[in-house]
Amino acid sequence: MKKKTIKLFYTTCGSFKDGKVLAKKLVSNKEAVCVNIIKNVESFFIEEKKYASSREVILIIKTNLERQKIKKIIKFIHPYKTPFLAEIKIGEVNKKYLDWALKVLR
């Protein structure tokens, strides 16, 4: 029997507005129990062989979906052509929260 748990996934968006749209879709469709948005993150990267930076928001997605399923959903609804998505490995989630979250996601 598979153990019921909550997983965390990390992604970024270019604006708070885009992050809210993505979060609302995930929560409304019961694909996530909660999405935390962290505003005003400065990202530095290489684009077209040049140094660049931009403001982004971080989304931390709390879900019981498997990596492949959330990856497919994010690819479909994310505003970036090539979104970053990583699973954050966590330990055990407290039982009361886990029970509540799995009930919400039914």
PDB file of N, CA and C in Angstrom:
ATOM      1  N   MET A   1       0.837  -1.185   0.000  1.00  0.00           N
ATOM      2  CA  MET A   1       0.000   0.000   0.000  1.00  0.00           C
ATOM      3  C   MET A   1       0.884   1.252   0.000  1.00  0.00           C
ATOM      4  N   LYS A   2       0.536   2.185  -0.866  1.00  0.00           N
ATOM      5  CA  LYS A   2       1.315   3.411  -0.967  1.00  0.00           C
ATOM      6  C   LYS A   2       1.022   4.332   0.210  1.00  0.00           C
ATOM      7  N   LYS A   3       2.073   4.897   0.787  1.00  0.00           N
ATOM      8  CA  LYS A   3       1.929   5.821   1.917  1.00  0.00           C
ATOM      9  C   LYS A   3       1.389   7.161   1.426  1.00  0.00           C
ATOM     10  N   LYS A   4       0.387   7.657   2.111  1.00  0.00           N
ATOM     11  CA  LYS A   4      -0.193   8.957   1.767  1.00  0.00           C
ATOM     12  C   LYS A   4       0.684  10.044   2.361  1.00  0.00           C
ATOM     13  N   THR A   5       1.018  11.018   1.530  1.00  0.00           N
ATOM     14  CA  THR A   5       1.871  12.098   1.990  1.00  0.00           C
ATOM     15  C   THR A   5       1.625  13.358   1.171  1.00  0.00           C
ATOM     16  N   ILE A   6       2.241  14.423   1.569  1.00  0.00           N
ATOM     17  CA  ILE A   6       2.216  15.677   0.837  1.00  0.00           C
ATOM     18  C   ILE A   6       3.626  15.914   0.297  1.00  0.00           C
ATOM     19  N   LYS A   7       3.695  16.390  -0.926  1.00  0.00           N
ATOM     20  CA  LYS A   7       4.979  16.707  -1.549  1.00  0.00           C
ATOM     21  C   LYS A   7       5.047  18.216  -1.781  1.00  0.00           C
ATOM     22  N   LEU A   8       6.262  18.740  -1.812  1.00  0.00           N
ATOM     23  CA  LEU A   8       6.481  20.153  -2.124  1.00  0.00           C
ATOM     24  C   LEU A   8       7.195  20.263  -3.463  1.00  0.00           C
ATOM     25  N   PHE A   9       6.702  21.175  -4.296  1.00  0.00           N
ATOM     26  CA  PHE A   9       7.353  21.474  -5.564  1.00  0.00           C
ATOM     27  C   PHE A   9       7.634  22.965  -5.634  1.00  0.00           C
ATOM     28  N   TYR A  10       8.731  23.317  -6.270  1.00  0.00           N
ATOM     29  CA  TYR A  10       9.223  24.692  -6.371  1.00  0.00           C
ATOM     30  C   TYR A  10       9.218  25.105  -7.838  1.00  0.00           C
ATOM     31  N   THR A  11       8.656  26.267  -8.113  1.00  0.00           N
ATOM     32  CA  THR A  11       8.738  26.847  -9.442  1.00  0.00           C
ATOM     33  C   THR A  11       8.762  28.365  -9.301  1.00  0.00           C
ATOM     34  N   THR A  12       8.996  29.066 -10.390  1.00  0.00           N
ATOM     35  CA  THR A  12       8.999  30.523 -10.379  1.00  0.00           C
ATOM     36  C   THR A  12       8.093  31.044 -11.485  1.00  0.00           C
ATOM     37  N   CYS A  13       7.639  32.284 -11.324  1.00  0.00           N
ATOM     38  CA  CYS A  13       6.860  32.992 -12.346  1.00  0.00           C
ATOM     39  C   CYS A  13       7.405  34.406 -12.459  1.00  0.00           C
ATOM     40  N   GLY A  14       7.110  35.055 -13.561  1.00  0.00           N
ATOM     41  CA  GLY A  14       7.632  36.390 -13.825  1.00  0.00           C
ATOM     42  C   GLY A  14       6.919  37.512 -13.105  1.00  0.00           C
ATOM     43  N   SER A  15       5.747  37.239 -12.549  1.00  0.00           N
ATOM     44  CA  SER A  15       5.016  38.289 -11.844  1.00  0.00           C
ATOM     45  C   SER A  15       4.106  37.681 -10.788  1.00  0.00           C
ATOM     46  N   PHE A  16       3.730  38.505  -9.830  1.00  0.00           N
ATOM     47  CA  PHE A  16       2.796  38.074  -8.796  1.00  0.00           C
ATOM     48  C   PHE A  16       1.456  37.696  -9.428  1.00  0.00           C
ATOM     49  N   LYS A  17       1.038  38.462 -10.427  1.00  0.00           N
ATOM     50  CA  LYS A  17      -0.227  38.181 -11.116  1.00  0.00           C
ATOM     51  C   LYS A  17      -0.205  36.781 -11.750  1.00  0.00           C
ATOM     52  N   ASP A  18       0.868  36.461 -12.479  1.00  0.00           N
ATOM     53  CA  ASP A  18       1.001  35.123 -13.086  1.00  0.00           C
ATOM     54  C   ASP A  18       1.028  34.036 -12.020  1.00  0.00           C
ATOM     55  N   GLY A  19       1.725  34.292 -10.924  1.00  0.00           N
ATOM     56  CA  GLY A  19       1.799  33.330  -9.829  1.00  0.00           C
ATOM     57  C   GLY A  19       0.426  33.067  -9.228  1.00  0.00           C
ATOM     58  N   LYS A  20      -0.359  34.131  -9.033  1.00  0.00           N
ATOM     59  CA  LYS A  20      -1.711  33.984  -8.489  1.00  0.00           C
ATOM     60  C   LYS A  20      -2.611  33.178  -9.416  1.00  0.00           C
ATOM     61  N   VAL A  21      -2.493  33.416 -10.707  1.00  0.00           N
ATOM     62  CA  VAL A  21      -3.299  32.663 -11.686  1.00  0.00           C
ATOM     63  C   VAL A  21      -2.953  31.180 -11.604  1.00  0.00           C
ATOM     64  N   LEU A  22      -1.667  30.877 -11.603  1.00  0.00           N
ATOM     65  CA  LEU A  22      -1.218  29.490 -11.528  1.00  0.00           C
ATOM     66  C   LEU A  22      -1.677  28.849 -10.211  1.00  0.00           C
ATOM     67  N   ALA A  23      -1.497  29.556  -9.103  1.00  0.00           N
ATOM     68  CA  ALA A  23      -1.897  29.038  -7.788  1.00  0.00           C
ATOM     69  C   ALA A  23      -3.404  28.770  -7.742  1.00  0.00           C
ATOM     70  N   LYS A  24      -4.190  29.714  -8.240  1.00  0.00           N
ATOM     71  CA  LYS A  24      -5.651  29.557  -8.221  1.00  0.00           C
ATOM     72  C   LYS A  24      -6.083  28.341  -9.031  1.00  0.00           C
ATOM     73  N   LYS A  25      -5.483  28.139 -10.197  1.00  0.00           N
ATOM     74  CA  LYS A  25      -5.823  26.975 -11.031  1.00  0.00           C
ATOM     75  C   LYS A  25      -5.504  25.676 -10.299  1.00  0.00           C
ATOM     76  N   LEU A  26      -4.318  25.602  -9.693  1.00  0.00           N
ATOM     77  CA  LEU A  26      -3.916  24.380  -8.991  1.00  0.00           C
ATOM     78  C   LEU A  26      -4.833  24.075  -7.814  1.00  0.00           C
ATOM     79  N   VAL A  27      -5.143  25.085  -7.020  1.00  0.00           N
ATOM     80  CA  VAL A  27      -5.978  24.876  -5.825  1.00  0.00           C
ATOM     81  C   VAL A  27      -7.431  24.625  -6.222  1.00  0.00           C
ATOM     82  N   SER A  28      -7.956  25.396  -7.159  1.00  0.00           N
ATOM     83  CA  SER A  28      -9.349  25.230  -7.591  1.00  0.00           C
ATOM     84  C   SER A  28      -9.611  23.855  -8.189  1.00  0.00           C
ATOM     85  N   ASN A  29      -8.619  23.313  -8.878  1.00  0.00           N
ATOM     86  CA  ASN A  29      -8.759  21.991  -9.499  1.00  0.00           C
ATOM     87  C   ASN A  29      -8.359  20.847  -8.572  1.00  0.00           C
ATOM     88  N   LYS A  30      -8.098  21.168  -7.304  1.00  0.00           N
ATOM     89  CA  LYS A  30      -7.674  20.184  -6.297  1.00  0.00           C
ATOM     90  C   LYS A  30      -6.412  19.431  -6.721  1.00  0.00           C
ATOM     91  N   GLU A  31      -5.538  20.145  -7.432  1.00  0.00           N
ATOM     92  CA  GLU A  31      -4.239  19.584  -7.800  1.00  0.00           C
ATOM     93  C   GLU A  31      -3.190  19.982  -6.776  1.00  0.00           C
ATOM     94  N   ALA A  32      -3.527  20.959  -5.928  1.00  0.00           N
ATOM     95  CA  ALA A  32      -2.681  21.379  -4.809  1.00  0.00           C
ATOM     96  C   ALA A  32      -3.592  21.767  -3.657  1.00  0.00           C
ATOM     97  N   VAL A  33      -3.128  21.499  -2.455  1.00  0.00           N
ATOM     98  CA  VAL A  33      -3.899  21.906  -1.278  1.00  0.00           C
ATOM     99  C   VAL A  33      -3.575  23.354  -0.914  1.00  0.00           C
ATOM    100  N   CYS A  34      -2.367  23.798  -1.276  1.00  0.00           N
ATOM    101  CA  CYS A  34      -1.924  25.153  -0.949  1.00  0.00           C
ATOM    102  C   CYS A  34      -0.755  25.516  -1.855  1.00  0.00           C
ATOM    103  N   VAL A  35      -0.678  26.800  -2.211  1.00  0.00           N
ATOM    104  CA  VAL A  35       0.474  27.314  -2.942  1.00  0.00           C
ATOM    105  C   VAL A  35       0.936  28.575  -2.226  1.00  0.00           C
ATOM    106  N   ASN A  36       2.181  28.581  -1.795  1.00  0.00           N
ATOM    107  CA  ASN A  36       2.774  29.772  -1.175  1.00  0.00           C
ATOM    108  C   ASN A  36       3.477  30.565  -2.265  1.00  0.00           C
ATOM    109  N   ILE A  37       3.274  31.886  -2.249  1.00  0.00           N
ATOM    110  CA  ILE A  37       3.951  32.761  -3.205  1.00  0.00           C
ATOM    111  C   ILE A  37       4.872  33.694  -2.429  1.00  0.00           C
ATOM    112  N   ILE A  38       6.138  33.675  -2.808  1.00  0.00           N
ATOM    113  CA  ILE A  38       7.141  34.547  -2.204  1.00  0.00           C
ATOM    114  C   ILE A  38       7.479  35.606  -3.249  1.00  0.00           C
ATOM    115  N   LYS A  39       7.196  36.865  -2.917  1.00  0.00           N
ATOM    116  CA  LYS A  39       7.349  37.964  -3.880  1.00  0.00           C
ATOM    117  C   LYS A  39       8.754  38.565  -3.864  1.00  0.00           C
ATOM    118  N   ASN A  40       9.017  39.327  -4.920  1.00  0.00           N
ATOM    119  CA  ASN A  40      10.215  40.165  -5.054  1.00  0.00           C
ATOM    120  C   ASN A  40      11.537  39.408  -4.948  1.00  0.00           C
ATOM    121  N   VAL A  41      11.652  38.362  -5.722  1.00  0.00           N
ATOM    122  CA  VAL A  41      12.898  37.596  -5.786  1.00  0.00           C
ATOM    123  C   VAL A  41      13.666  38.071  -7.014  1.00  0.00           C
ATOM    124  N   GLU A  42      14.934  38.373  -6.839  1.00  0.00           N
ATOM    125  CA  GLU A  42      15.775  38.786  -7.957  1.00  0.00           C
ATOM    126  C   GLU A  42      16.512  37.547  -8.466  1.00  0.00           C
ATOM    127  N   SER A  43      16.310  37.215  -9.741  1.00  0.00           N
ATOM    128  CA  SER A  43      16.946  36.045 -10.343  1.00  0.00           C
ATOM    129  C   SER A  43      18.030  36.485 -11.321  1.00  0.00           C
ATOM    130  N   PHE A  44      19.138  35.775 -11.326  1.00  0.00           N
ATOM    131  CA  PHE A  44      20.273  36.059 -12.205  1.00  0.00           C
ATOM    132  C   PHE A  44      20.539  34.826 -13.043  1.00  0.00           C
ATOM    133  N   PHE A  45      20.785  35.012 -14.348  1.00  0.00           N
ATOM    134  CA  PHE A  45      20.910  33.864 -15.251  1.00  0.00           C
ATOM    135  C   PHE A  45      21.587  34.297 -16.552  1.00  0.00           C
ATOM    136  N   ILE A  46      21.858  33.314 -17.399  1.00  0.00           N
ATOM    137  CA  ILE A  46      22.404  33.564 -18.729  1.00  0.00           C
ATOM    138  C   ILE A  46      21.290  33.315 -19.735  1.00  0.00           C
ATOM    139  N   GLU A  47      21.092  34.299 -20.629  1.00  0.00           N
ATOM    140  CA  GLU A  47      20.084  34.157 -21.678  1.00  0.00           C
ATOM    141  C   GLU A  47      20.685  34.663 -22.983  1.00  0.00           C
ATOM    142  N   GLU A  48      20.607  33.816 -24.010  1.00  0.00           N
ATOM    143  CA  GLU A  48      21.197  34.149 -25.306  1.00  0.00           C
ATOM    144  C   GLU A  48      22.657  34.578 -25.159  1.00  0.00           C
ATOM    145  N   LYS A  49      23.397  33.823 -24.332  1.00  0.00           N
ATOM    146  CA  LYS A  49      24.837  34.001 -24.095  1.00  0.00           C
ATOM    147  C   LYS A  49      25.192  35.305 -23.380  1.00  0.00           C
ATOM    148  N   LYS A  50      24.190  35.942 -22.751  1.00  0.00           N
ATOM    149  CA  LYS A  50      24.435  37.180 -22.022  1.00  0.00           C
ATOM    150  C   LYS A  50      23.890  37.077 -20.603  1.00  0.00           C
ATOM    151  N   TYR A  51      24.584  37.751 -19.705  1.00  0.00           N
ATOM    152  CA  TYR A  51      24.161  37.844 -18.316  1.00  0.00           C
ATOM    153  C   TYR A  51      22.852  38.635 -18.266  1.00  0.00           C
ATOM    154  N   ALA A  52      21.896  38.159 -17.474  1.00  0.00           N
ATOM    155  CA  ALA A  52      20.615  38.852 -17.344  1.00  0.00           C
ATOM    156  C   ALA A  52      20.092  38.684 -15.919  1.00  0.00           C
ATOM    157  N   SER A  53      19.139  39.517 -15.570  1.00  0.00           N
ATOM    158  CA  SER A  53      18.458  39.371 -14.285  1.00  0.00           C
ATOM    159  C   SER A  53      17.020  39.831 -14.456  1.00  0.00           C
ATOM    160  N   SER A  54      16.167  39.349 -13.558  1.00  0.00           N
ATOM    161  CA  SER A  54      14.768  39.771 -13.588  1.00  0.00           C
ATOM    162  C   SER A  54      14.134  39.519 -12.228  1.00  0.00           C
ATOM    163  N   ARG A  55      13.047  40.197 -11.988  1.00  0.00           N
ATOM    164  CA  ARG A  55      12.251  39.973 -10.780  1.00  0.00           C
ATOM    165  C   ARG A  55      11.312  38.812 -11.056  1.00  0.00           C
ATOM    166  N   GLU A  56      11.185  37.941 -10.079  1.00  0.00           N
ATOM    167  CA  GLU A  56      10.276  36.807 -10.182  1.00  0.00           C
ATOM    168  C   GLU A  56       9.580  36.608  -8.846  1.00  0.00           C
ATOM    169  N   VAL A  57       8.643  35.684  -8.835  1.00  0.00           N
ATOM    170  CA  VAL A  57       8.049  35.201  -7.588  1.00  0.00           C
ATOM    171  C   VAL A  57       8.315  33.705  -7.522  1.00  0.00           C
ATOM    172  N   ILE A  58       8.442  33.207  -6.307  1.00  0.00           N
ATOM    173  CA  ILE A  58       8.626  31.773  -6.080  1.00  0.00           C
ATOM    174  C   ILE A  58       7.288  31.185  -5.668  1.00  0.00           C
ATOM    175  N   LEU A  59       6.955  30.043  -6.231  1.00  0.00           N
ATOM    176  CA  LEU A  59       5.760  29.304  -5.819  1.00  0.00           C
ATOM    177  C   LEU A  59       6.202  27.988  -5.185  1.00  0.00           C
ATOM    178  N   ILE A  60       5.699  27.733  -3.995  1.00  0.00           N
ATOM    179  CA  ILE A  60       5.914  26.451  -3.335  1.00  0.00           C
ATOM    180  C   ILE A  60       4.554  25.759  -3.325  1.00  0.00           C
ATOM    181  N   ILE A  61       4.481  24.649  -4.025  1.00  0.00           N
ATOM    182  CA  ILE A  61       3.226  23.936  -4.252  1.00  0.00           C
ATOM    183  C   ILE A  61       3.154  22.729  -3.328  1.00  0.00           C
ATOM    184  N   LYS A  62       2.081  22.666  -2.518  1.00  0.00           N
ATOM    185  CA  LYS A  62       1.850  21.526  -1.633  1.00  0.00           C
ATOM    186  C   LYS A  62       0.791  20.647  -2.285  1.00  0.00           C
ATOM    187  N   THR A  63       1.160  19.404  -2.597  1.00  0.00           N
ATOM    188  CA  THR A  63       0.276  18.511  -3.339  1.00  0.00           C
ATOM    189  C   THR A  63       0.510  17.059  -2.941  1.00  0.00           C
ATOM    190  N   ASN A  64      -0.438  16.212  -3.302  1.00  0.00           N
ATOM    191  CA  ASN A  64      -0.231  14.770  -3.126  1.00  0.00           C
ATOM    192  C   ASN A  64       0.002  14.095  -4.473  1.00  0.00           C
ATOM    193  N   LEU A  65       0.121  14.887  -5.536  1.00  0.00           N
ATOM    194  CA  LEU A  65       0.345  14.333  -6.863  1.00  0.00           C
ATOM    195  C   LEU A  65       1.781  13.857  -7.043  1.00  0.00           C
ATOM    196  N   GLU A  66       1.933  12.854  -7.887  1.00  0.00           N
ATOM    197  CA  GLU A  66       3.266  12.360  -8.230  1.00  0.00           C
ATOM    198  C   GLU A  66       3.972  13.374  -9.132  1.00  0.00           C
ATOM    199  N   ARG A  67       5.282  13.309  -9.146  1.00  0.00           N
ATOM    200  CA  ARG A  67       6.104  14.255  -9.902  1.00  0.00           C
ATOM    201  C   ARG A  67       5.681  14.348 -11.373  1.00  0.00           C
ATOM    202  N   GLN A  68       5.467  13.231 -12.030  1.00  0.00           N
ATOM    203  CA  GLN A  68       5.125  13.249 -13.450  1.00  0.00           C
ATOM    204  C   GLN A  68       3.797  13.953 -13.697  1.00  0.00           C
ATOM    205  N   LYS A  69       2.835  13.765 -12.805  1.00  0.00           N
ATOM    206  CA  LYS A  69       1.517  14.394 -12.954  1.00  0.00           C
ATOM    207  C   LYS A  69       1.611  15.914 -12.773  1.00  0.00           C
ATOM    208  N   ILE A  70       2.288  16.366 -11.715  1.00  0.00           N
ATOM    209  CA  ILE A  70       2.408  17.813 -11.484  1.00  0.00           C
ATOM    210  C   ILE A  70       3.253  18.453 -12.596  1.00  0.00           C
ATOM    211  N   LYS A  71       4.250  17.742 -13.081  1.00  0.00           N
ATOM    212  CA  LYS A  71       5.090  18.237 -14.178  1.00  0.00           C
ATOM    213  C   LYS A  71       4.238  18.474 -15.433  1.00  0.00           C
ATOM    214  N   LYS A  72       3.368  17.547 -15.738  1.00  0.00           N
ATOM    215  CA  LYS A  72       2.486  17.664 -16.899  1.00  0.00           C
ATOM    216  C   LYS A  72       1.536  18.853 -16.744  1.00  0.00           C
ATOM    217  N   ILE A  73       0.967  19.022 -15.573  1.00  0.00           N
ATOM    218  CA  ILE A  73       0.040  20.124 -15.305  1.00  0.00           C
ATOM    219  C   ILE A  73       0.765  21.461 -15.418  1.00  0.00           C
ATOM    220  N   ILE A  74       1.932  21.573 -14.771  1.00  0.00           N
ATOM    221  CA  ILE A  74       2.700  22.828 -14.795  1.00  0.00           C
ATOM    222  C   ILE A  74       3.090  23.183 -16.225  1.00  0.00           C
ATOM    223  N   LYS A  75       3.542  22.214 -16.983  1.00  0.00           N
ATOM    224  CA  LYS A  75       3.937  22.470 -18.377  1.00  0.00           C
ATOM    225  C   LYS A  75       2.759  23.048 -19.168  1.00  0.00           C
ATOM    226  N   PHE A  76       1.560  22.575 -18.886  1.00  0.00           N
ATOM    227  CA  PHE A  76       0.370  23.013 -19.608  1.00  0.00           C
ATOM    228  C   PHE A  76      -0.100  24.408 -19.185  1.00  0.00           C
ATOM    229  N   ILE A  77      -0.032  24.728 -17.874  1.00  0.00           N
ATOM    230  CA  ILE A  77      -0.619  25.996 -17.401  1.00  0.00           C
ATOM    231  C   ILE A  77       0.397  27.092 -17.073  1.00  0.00           C
ATOM    232  N   HIS A  78       1.681  26.764 -17.055  1.00  0.00           N
ATOM    233  CA  HIS A  78       2.702  27.744 -16.664  1.00  0.00           C
ATOM    234  C   HIS A  78       2.918  28.768 -17.777  1.00  0.00           C
ATOM    235  N   PRO A  79       3.088  30.048 -17.416  1.00  0.00           N
ATOM    236  CA  PRO A  79       3.289  31.073 -18.453  1.00  0.00           C
ATOM    237  C   PRO A  79       4.663  31.015 -19.141  1.00  0.00           C
ATOM    238  N   TYR A  80       5.669  30.387 -18.522  1.00  0.00           N
ATOM    239  CA  TYR A  80       6.996  30.301 -19.144  1.00  0.00           C
ATOM    240  C   TYR A  80       7.009  29.190 -20.193  1.00  0.00           C
ATOM    241  N   LYS A  81       7.769  29.417 -21.254  1.00  0.00           N
ATOM    242  CA  LYS A  81       7.937  28.387 -22.288  1.00  0.00           C
ATOM    243  C   LYS A  81       8.642  27.161 -21.713  1.00  0.00           C
ATOM    244  N   THR A  82       9.643  27.405 -20.877  1.00  0.00           N
ATOM    245  CA  THR A  82      10.394  26.327 -20.235  1.00  0.00           C
ATOM    246  C   THR A  82      10.441  26.587 -18.729  1.00  0.00           C
ATOM    247  N   PRO A  83       9.400  26.202 -18.006  1.00  0.00           N
ATOM    248  CA  PRO A  83       9.392  26.467 -16.564  1.00  0.00           C
ATOM    249  C   PRO A  83      10.333  25.532 -15.806  1.00  0.00           C
ATOM    250  N   PHE A  84      10.883  26.052 -14.727  1.00  0.00           N
ATOM    251  CA  PHE A  84      11.681  25.245 -13.806  1.00  0.00           C
ATOM    252  C   PHE A  84      10.713  24.615 -12.810  1.00  0.00           C
ATOM    253  N   LEU A  85      10.882  23.334 -12.544  1.00  0.00           N
ATOM    254  CA  LEU A  85      10.076  22.651 -11.538  1.00  0.00           C
ATOM    255  C   LEU A  85      10.965  21.639 -10.833  1.00  0.00           C
ATOM    256  N   ALA A  86      11.024  21.748  -9.516  1.00  0.00           N
ATOM    257  CA  ALA A  86      11.835  20.814  -8.737  1.00  0.00           C
ATOM    258  C   ALA A  86      11.040  20.367  -7.519  1.00  0.00           C
ATOM    259  N   GLU A  87      11.190  19.096  -7.182  1.00  0.00           N
ATOM    260  CA  GLU A  87      10.580  18.594  -5.960  1.00  0.00           C
ATOM    261  C   GLU A  87      11.517  18.881  -4.800  1.00  0.00           C
ATOM    262  N   ILE A  88      10.962  19.409  -3.730  1.00  0.00           N
ATOM    263  CA  ILE A  88      11.726  19.642  -2.509  1.00  0.00           C
ATOM    264  C   ILE A  88      11.461  18.446  -1.601  1.00  0.00           C
ATOM    265  N   LYS A  89      12.497  17.672  -1.335  1.00  0.00           N
ATOM    266  CA  LYS A  89      12.339  16.485  -0.485  1.00  0.00           C
ATOM    267  C   LYS A  89      12.148  16.924   0.961  1.00  0.00           C
ATOM    268  N   ILE A  90      11.100  16.421   1.573  1.00  0.00           N
ATOM    269  CA  ILE A  90      10.783  16.771   2.956  1.00  0.00           C
ATOM    270  C   ILE A  90      10.625  15.503   3.774  1.00  0.00           C
ATOM    271  N   GLY A  91      10.655  15.674   5.064  1.00  0.00           N
ATOM    272  CA  GLY A  91      10.403  14.560   5.965  1.00  0.00           C
ATOM    273  C   GLY A  91       8.908  14.377   6.154  1.00  0.00           C
ATOM    274  N   GLU A  92       8.573  13.755   7.214  1.00  0.00           N
ATOM    275  CA  GLU A  92       7.180  13.455   7.520  1.00  0.00           C
ATOM    276  C   GLU A  92       6.395  14.733   7.822  1.00  0.00           C
ATOM    277  N   VAL A  93       5.194  14.809   7.291  1.00  0.00           N
ATOM    278  CA  VAL A  93       4.286  15.930   7.536  1.00  0.00           C
ATOM    279  C   VAL A  93       3.456  15.605   8.775  1.00  0.00           C
ATOM    280  N   ASN A  94       3.223  16.617   9.638  1.00  0.00           N
ATOM    281  CA  ASN A  94       2.443  16.345  10.841  1.00  0.00           C
ATOM    282  C   ASN A  94       1.067  15.791  10.480  1.00  0.00           C
ATOM    283  N   LYS A  95       0.620  14.794  11.245  1.00  0.00           N
ATOM    284  CA  LYS A  95      -0.572  14.011  10.938  1.00  0.00           C
ATOM    285  C   LYS A  95      -1.829  14.868  10.787  1.00  0.00           C
ATOM    286  N   LYS A  96      -2.025  15.821  11.664  1.00  0.00           N
ATOM    287  CA  LYS A  96      -3.237  16.638  11.613  1.00  0.00           C
ATOM    288  C   LYS A  96      -3.310  17.414  10.286  1.00  0.00           C
ATOM    289  N   TYR A  97      -2.192  17.998   9.859  1.00  0.00           N
ATOM    290  CA  TYR A  97      -2.164  18.723   8.578  1.00  0.00           C
ATOM    291  C   TYR A  97      -2.364  17.745   7.423  1.00  0.00           C
ATOM    292  N   LEU A  98      -1.666  16.619   7.467  1.00  0.00           N
ATOM    293  CA  LEU A  98      -1.772  15.624   6.403  1.00  0.00           C
ATOM    294  C   LEU A  98      -3.210  15.149   6.255  1.00  0.00           C
ATOM    295  N   ASP A  99      -3.873  14.824   7.356  1.00  0.00           N
ATOM    296  CA  ASP A  99      -5.267  14.379   7.305  1.00  0.00           C
ATOM    297  C   ASP A  99      -6.151  15.445   6.668  1.00  0.00           C
ATOM    298  N   TRP A 100      -5.953  16.691   7.091  1.00  0.00           N
ATOM    299  CA  TRP A 100      -6.738  17.805   6.547  1.00  0.00           C
ATOM    300  C   TRP A 100      -6.471  17.952   5.042  1.00  0.00           C
ATOM    301  N   ALA A 101      -5.219  17.963   4.649  1.00  0.00           N
ATOM    302  CA  ALA A 101      -4.850  18.172   3.247  1.00  0.00           C
ATOM    303  C   ALA A 101      -5.407  17.082   2.351  1.00  0.00           C
ATOM    304  N   LEU A 102      -5.282  15.827   2.773  1.00  0.00           N
ATOM    305  CA  LEU A 102      -5.768  14.717   1.936  1.00  0.00           C
ATOM    306  C   LEU A 102      -7.294  14.746   1.837  1.00  0.00           C
ATOM    307  N   LYS A 103      -7.949  15.213   2.881  1.00  0.00           N
ATOM    308  CA  LYS A 103      -9.418  15.362   2.847  1.00  0.00           C
ATOM    309  C   LYS A 103      -9.806  16.440   1.831  1.00  0.00           C
ATOM    310  N   VAL A 104      -9.091  17.546   1.824  1.00  0.00           N
ATOM    311  CA  VAL A 104      -9.360  18.660   0.900  1.00  0.00           C
ATOM    312  C   VAL A 104      -9.141  18.200  -0.552  1.00  0.00           C
ATOM    313  N   LEU A 105      -8.131  17.396  -0.789  1.00  0.00           N
ATOM    314  CA  LEU A 105      -7.747  16.991  -2.134  1.00  0.00           C
ATOM    315  C   LEU A 105      -8.605  15.853  -2.710  1.00  0.00           C
ATOM    316  N   ARG A 106      -9.510  15.331  -1.929  1.00  0.00           N
ATOM    317  CA  ARG A 106     -10.378  14.239  -2.439  1.00  0.00           C
ATOM    318  C   ARG A 106     -11.296  14.712  -3.531  1.00  0.00           C
TER     319      ARG A 106
END
